[in-house]
Protein backbone atom coordinates (compact mmCIF):
# COMPACT_ATOMS: atom_id res chain seq x y z
CA UNK A 1 0.00 0.00 0.00
CA UNK A 2 1.98 2.95 -1.18
CA UNK A 3 -0.33 5.85 -2.00
CA UNK A 4 -0.77 7.54 1.35
CA UNK A 5 -3.68 10.00 1.99
CA UNK A 6 -2.16 13.44 1.82
CA UNK A 7 -5.05 14.62 4.02
CA UNK A 8 -3.84 12.53 6.96
CA UNK A 9 -0.26 13.65 6.70
CA UNK A 10 -1.19 17.30 6.18
CA UNK A 11 -3.49 17.27 9.20
CA UNK A 12 -1.03 15.23 11.27
CA UNK A 13 1.82 17.58 10.37
CA UNK A 14 -0.45 20.55 11.02
CA UNK A 15 -1.19 19.13 14.45
CA UNK A 16 2.53 18.72 15.09
CA UNK A 17 3.20 22.25 13.87
CA UNK A 18 0.56 23.59 16.23
CA UNK A 19 2.10 21.60 19.06
CA UNK A 20 5.55 22.96 18.24
CA UNK A 21 4.14 26.50 18.13
CA UNK A 22 2.56 25.98 21.53
CA UNK A 23 5.88 24.71 22.87
CA UNK A 24 7.62 27.81 21.57
CA UNK A 25 4.86 30.04 22.92
CA UNK A 26 5.02 28.36 26.31
CA UNK A 27 8.79 28.74 26.33
CA UNK A 28 8.47 32.43 25.50
CA UNK A 29 5.86 33.04 28.16
CA UNK A 30 7.90 31.15 30.73
CA UNK A 31 10.99 33.16 29.88
CA UNK A 32 9.02 36.41 30.06
CA UNK A 33 7.54 35.49 33.43
CA UNK A 34 10.93 34.48 34.76
CA UNK A 35 12.46 37.77 33.60
CA UNK A 36 9.64 39.78 35.19
CA UNK A 37 10.18 38.02 38.49
CA UNK A 38 13.96 38.47 38.63
CA UNK A 39 14.36 41.84 36.95
CA UNK A 40 15.27 44.42 39.67
CA UNK A 41 13.16 47.54 40.08
CA UNK A 42 14.87 50.97 40.10
CA UNK A 43 14.74 51.03 43.91
CA UNK A 44 15.77 47.42 44.43
CA UNK A 45 19.14 46.44 45.78
CA UNK A 46 21.89 45.24 43.49
CA UNK A 47 21.36 41.61 44.54
CA UNK A 48 22.23 39.30 41.64
CA UNK A 49 19.11 37.54 40.29
CA UNK A 50 19.21 33.83 39.43
CA UNK A 51 19.49 32.98 35.73
CA UNK A 52 16.29 31.67 34.09
CA UNK A 53 16.17 27.92 33.53
CA UNK A 54 16.30 27.02 29.82
CA UNK A 55 13.80 24.50 28.45
CA UNK A 56 15.44 21.54 26.73
CA UNK A 57 13.52 20.06 23.81
CA UNK A 58 13.62 16.32 23.15
CA UNK A 59 12.47 15.53 19.62
CA UNK A 60 11.76 12.18 17.98
CA UNK A 61 10.86 11.13 14.43
CA UNK A 62 8.52 8.36 13.31
CA UNK A 63 7.39 6.78 10.04
CA UNK A 64 3.79 6.63 11.16
CA UNK A 65 1.97 5.13 8.17
CA UNK A 66 4.47 2.36 7.34
CA UNK A 67 4.88 1.68 11.04
CA UNK A 68 1.13 1.30 11.52
CA UNK A 69 0.89 -1.32 8.78
CA UNK A 70 3.98 -3.14 10.05
CA UNK A 71 2.38 -3.88 13.40
CA UNK A 72 1.21 -7.47 13.87
CA UNK A 73 -2.38 -6.27 13.66
CA UNK A 74 -1.70 -4.30 10.48
CA UNK A 75 0.00 -7.24 8.78
CA UNK A 76 -2.77 -9.65 9.74
CA UNK A 77 -5.53 -7.30 8.59
CA UNK A 78 -3.92 -6.63 5.23
CA UNK A 79 -3.18 -10.32 4.65
CA UNK A 80 -6.87 -11.08 5.27
CA UNK A 81 -7.91 -8.31 2.88
CA UNK A 82 -5.58 -9.58 0.16
CA UNK A 83 -6.99 -13.08 0.57
CA UNK A 84 -10.54 -11.73 0.30
CA UNK A 85 -9.80 -10.11 -3.06
CA UNK A 86 -7.87 -13.02 -4.60
CA UNK A 87 -10.99 -14.37 -6.43
CA UNK A 88 -11.54 -10.91 -7.90
CA UNK A 89 -7.95 -10.77 -9.11
CA UNK A 90 -8.34 -14.19 -10.72
CA UNK A 91 -11.54 -13.09 -12.46
CA UNK A 92 -9.96 -9.92 -13.81
CA UNK A 93 -6.92 -11.79 -15.06
CA UNK A 94 -9.15 -14.33 -16.81
CA UNK A 95 -11.02 -11.57 -18.62
CA UNK A 96 -7.75 -9.87 -19.56
CA UNK A 97 -6.37 -13.14 -20.96
CA UNK A 98 -9.57 -13.66 -22.96
CA UNK A 99 -9.22 -10.22 -24.53
CA UNK A 100 -5.60 -10.91 -25.45
CA UNK A 101 -6.64 -14.20 -27.08
CA UNK A 102 -9.39 -12.52 -29.11
CA UNK A 103 -6.95 -9.87 -30.32
CA UNK A 104 -4.49 -12.54 -31.47
CA UNK A 105 -7.26 -14.40 -33.30
CA UNK A 106 -8.33 -11.21 -35.04
CA UNK A 107 -4.76 -10.42 -36.09
CA UNK A 108 -4.18 -13.97 -37.32
CA UNK A 109 -7.40 -13.98 -39.34
CA UNK A 110 -6.03 -11.48 -41.79
CA UNK A 111 -7.76 -11.50 -45.17
CA UNK A 112 -9.59 -14.72 -44.34
CA UNK A 113 -12.15 -12.69 -42.44
CA UNK A 114 -14.76 -10.58 -44.14
CA UNK A 115 -15.14 -6.92 -43.29
CA UNK A 116 -18.29 -7.74 -41.32
CA UNK A 117 -16.49 -10.48 -39.33
CA UNK A 118 -13.58 -8.21 -38.50
CA UNK A 119 -15.96 -5.45 -37.41
CA UNK A 120 -17.96 -7.90 -35.26
CA UNK A 121 -14.86 -9.29 -33.54
CA UNK A 122 -13.45 -5.82 -32.99
CA UNK A 123 -16.75 -4.77 -31.41
CA UNK A 124 -16.65 -7.81 -29.12
CA UNK A 125 -13.11 -6.97 -28.03
CA UNK A 126 -14.06 -3.35 -27.39
CA UNK A 127 -17.06 -4.40 -25.30
CA UNK A 128 -14.97 -6.78 -23.18
CA UNK A 129 -12.24 -4.15 -22.71
CA UNK A 130 -14.80 -1.68 -21.39
CA UNK A 131 -16.18 -4.35 -19.08
CA UNK A 132 -12.67 -5.12 -17.82
CA UNK A 133 -12.03 -1.45 -17.18
CA UNK A 134 -15.29 -1.04 -15.24
CA UNK A 135 -14.79 -4.21 -13.22
CA UNK A 136 -11.18 -3.31 -12.42
CA UNK A 137 -12.11 0.21 -11.31
CA UNK A 138 -14.96 -1.11 -9.17
CA UNK A 139 -12.70 -3.69 -7.54
CA UNK A 140 -9.95 -1.16 -7.01
CA UNK A 141 -12.34 1.34 -5.41
CA UNK A 142 -13.79 -1.32 -3.15
CA UNK A 143 -10.34 -2.54 -2.12
CA UNK A 144 -9.13 0.98 -1.42
CA UNK A 145 -12.18 1.73 0.69
CA UNK A 146 -11.70 -1.36 2.84
CA UNK A 147 -7.93 -0.79 3.09
CA UNK A 148 -8.63 2.77 4.21
CA UNK A 149 -11.00 1.52 6.91
CA UNK A 150 -8.43 -1.02 8.09
CA UNK A 151 -5.74 1.64 8.32
CA UNK A 152 -8.07 4.15 9.99
CA UNK A 153 -8.98 1.81 12.84
CA UNK A 154 -5.42 0.65 13.53
CA UNK A 155 -3.80 4.08 13.08
CA UNK A 156 -6.09 5.64 15.69
CA UNK A 157 -4.87 3.10 18.25
CA UNK A 158 -1.23 3.40 17.20
CA UNK A 159 -1.52 7.16 17.60
CA UNK A 160 -2.47 6.65 21.25
CA UNK A 161 0.59 4.45 21.68
CA UNK A 162 2.77 7.20 20.20
CA UNK A 163 1.39 9.70 22.70
CA UNK A 164 1.93 7.36 25.64
CA UNK A 165 5.44 6.41 24.53
CA UNK A 166 6.42 10.06 23.99
CA UNK A 167 5.12 11.11 27.41
CA UNK A 168 6.80 8.22 29.21
CA UNK A 169 10.13 8.93 27.54
CA UNK A 170 10.07 12.71 27.95
CA UNK A 171 9.69 13.74 24.30
CA UNK A 172 8.44 17.27 23.72
CA UNK A 173 7.78 16.74 19.99
CA UNK A 174 7.30 13.76 17.64
CA UNK A 175 7.61 14.49 13.91
CA UNK A 176 6.08 12.19 11.28
CA UNK A 177 8.53 11.77 8.38
CA UNK A 178 6.52 9.31 6.29
CA UNK A 179 4.81 12.03 4.24
CA UNK A 180 6.26 12.86 0.83
CA UNK A 181 6.33 16.55 1.77
CA UNK A 182 8.10 16.03 5.09
CA UNK A 183 10.27 19.07 5.90
CA UNK A 184 12.88 16.91 7.64
CA UNK A 185 16.06 16.73 5.56
CA UNK A 186 18.13 14.73 8.02
CA UNK A 187 17.76 13.23 11.47
CA UNK A 188 19.93 11.13 13.72
CA UNK A 189 18.75 7.50 13.42
CA UNK A 190 18.82 7.30 17.20
CA UNK A 191 15.83 9.67 17.31
CA UNK A 192 13.65 7.31 15.21
CA UNK A 193 11.07 5.70 17.52
CA UNK A 194 9.17 3.77 14.81
CA UNK A 195 10.46 0.33 15.83
CA UNK A 196 9.96 1.07 19.53
CA UNK A 197 6.36 2.18 18.96
CA UNK A 198 5.63 -0.93 16.86
CA UNK A 199 7.02 -3.13 19.62
CA UNK A 200 5.02 -1.28 22.29
CA UNK A 201 1.82 -1.52 20.25
CA UNK A 202 2.30 -5.25 19.55
CA UNK A 203 2.72 -5.88 23.25
CA UNK A 204 -0.38 -3.84 24.09
CA UNK A 205 -2.60 -5.29 21.32
CA UNK A 206 -1.72 -8.89 22.08
CA UNK A 207 -1.97 -9.78 18.38
CA UNK A 208 0.63 -12.47 17.58
CA UNK A 209 3.06 -12.10 14.72
CA UNK A 210 1.76 -13.63 11.46
CA UNK A 211 3.32 -16.90 10.24
CA UNK A 212 6.63 -16.58 8.45
CA UNK A 213 5.12 -17.84 5.19
CA UNK A 214 2.15 -15.47 5.35
CA UNK A 215 1.90 -12.85 2.58
CA UNK A 216 3.46 -9.56 3.59
CA UNK A 217 1.42 -6.41 2.86
CA UNK A 218 2.96 -4.47 0.01
CA UNK A 219 2.46 -0.95 -1.25
CA UNK A 220 0.67 -2.08 -4.40
CA UNK A 221 -1.60 -4.90 -3.23
CA UNK A 222 -4.90 -4.14 -4.91
CA UNK A 223 -7.03 -5.88 -7.55
CA UNK A 224 -5.78 -4.77 -10.94
CA UNK A 225 -5.60 -5.69 -14.57
CA UNK A 226 -3.37 -4.87 -17.48
CA UNK A 227 -5.47 -1.76 -18.06
CA UNK A 228 -5.19 -0.29 -14.58
CA UNK A 229 -2.47 1.02 -12.31
CA UNK A 230 -2.58 -0.56 -8.84
CA UNK A 231 -2.51 1.68 -5.80
CA UNK A 232 -4.12 2.03 -2.42
CA UNK A 233 -5.40 4.86 -0.32
CA UNK A 234 -5.18 5.37 3.40
CA UNK A 235 -7.06 7.66 5.71
CA UNK A 236 -5.95 9.68 8.69
CA UNK A 237 -6.47 8.29 12.18
CA UNK A 238 -8.91 9.95 14.51
CA UNK A 239 -7.09 10.34 17.84
């Protein structure tokens, strides 16, 4: 599942930006209050005031969307969804193969076919191609909708785990870097909490790891045919 809802990442990043702004605002207010308390008045003695205490920020990064789907629950849910749509994929492939066979027969017929026969076969091929396109788009839309629902439910719970983990480990800001428009150019790998959050969520959810031979969710697992481009859509979690 590669195509990630830009809405989720924009809103998630917006939420993080607002949090960062609040941190900066709180820091500024705290510094102002501290200065007001220690600044001597014109009539005060020359007693040296204590220096204000600086706030130290502890920032972490996370690949939220990939991390969500790499949890045991995410892998199991996507494997089940792929299995559900396997018959649809088989049906679409069968129709695609039939169209290819009809095209080869038409090309091999050459001058042996009358103009009416060629026109009739071409019309049949065109009708089946349109049917394939409609069926593929319907299957793709249905798959995307269900994949979005799967992601939505799990992501909302993973988000809570991120909050808990950040609070317990003293992080003042967690930045999601999985969006294509992420402003982060570089970060120390030691600040990446993706694996730690996945581990914490797996322990909390109690969902066992899928079997080793189970299909692994990919970024392009969706019913498709030779006439469509596979992709999936995800939705933002609702904390």
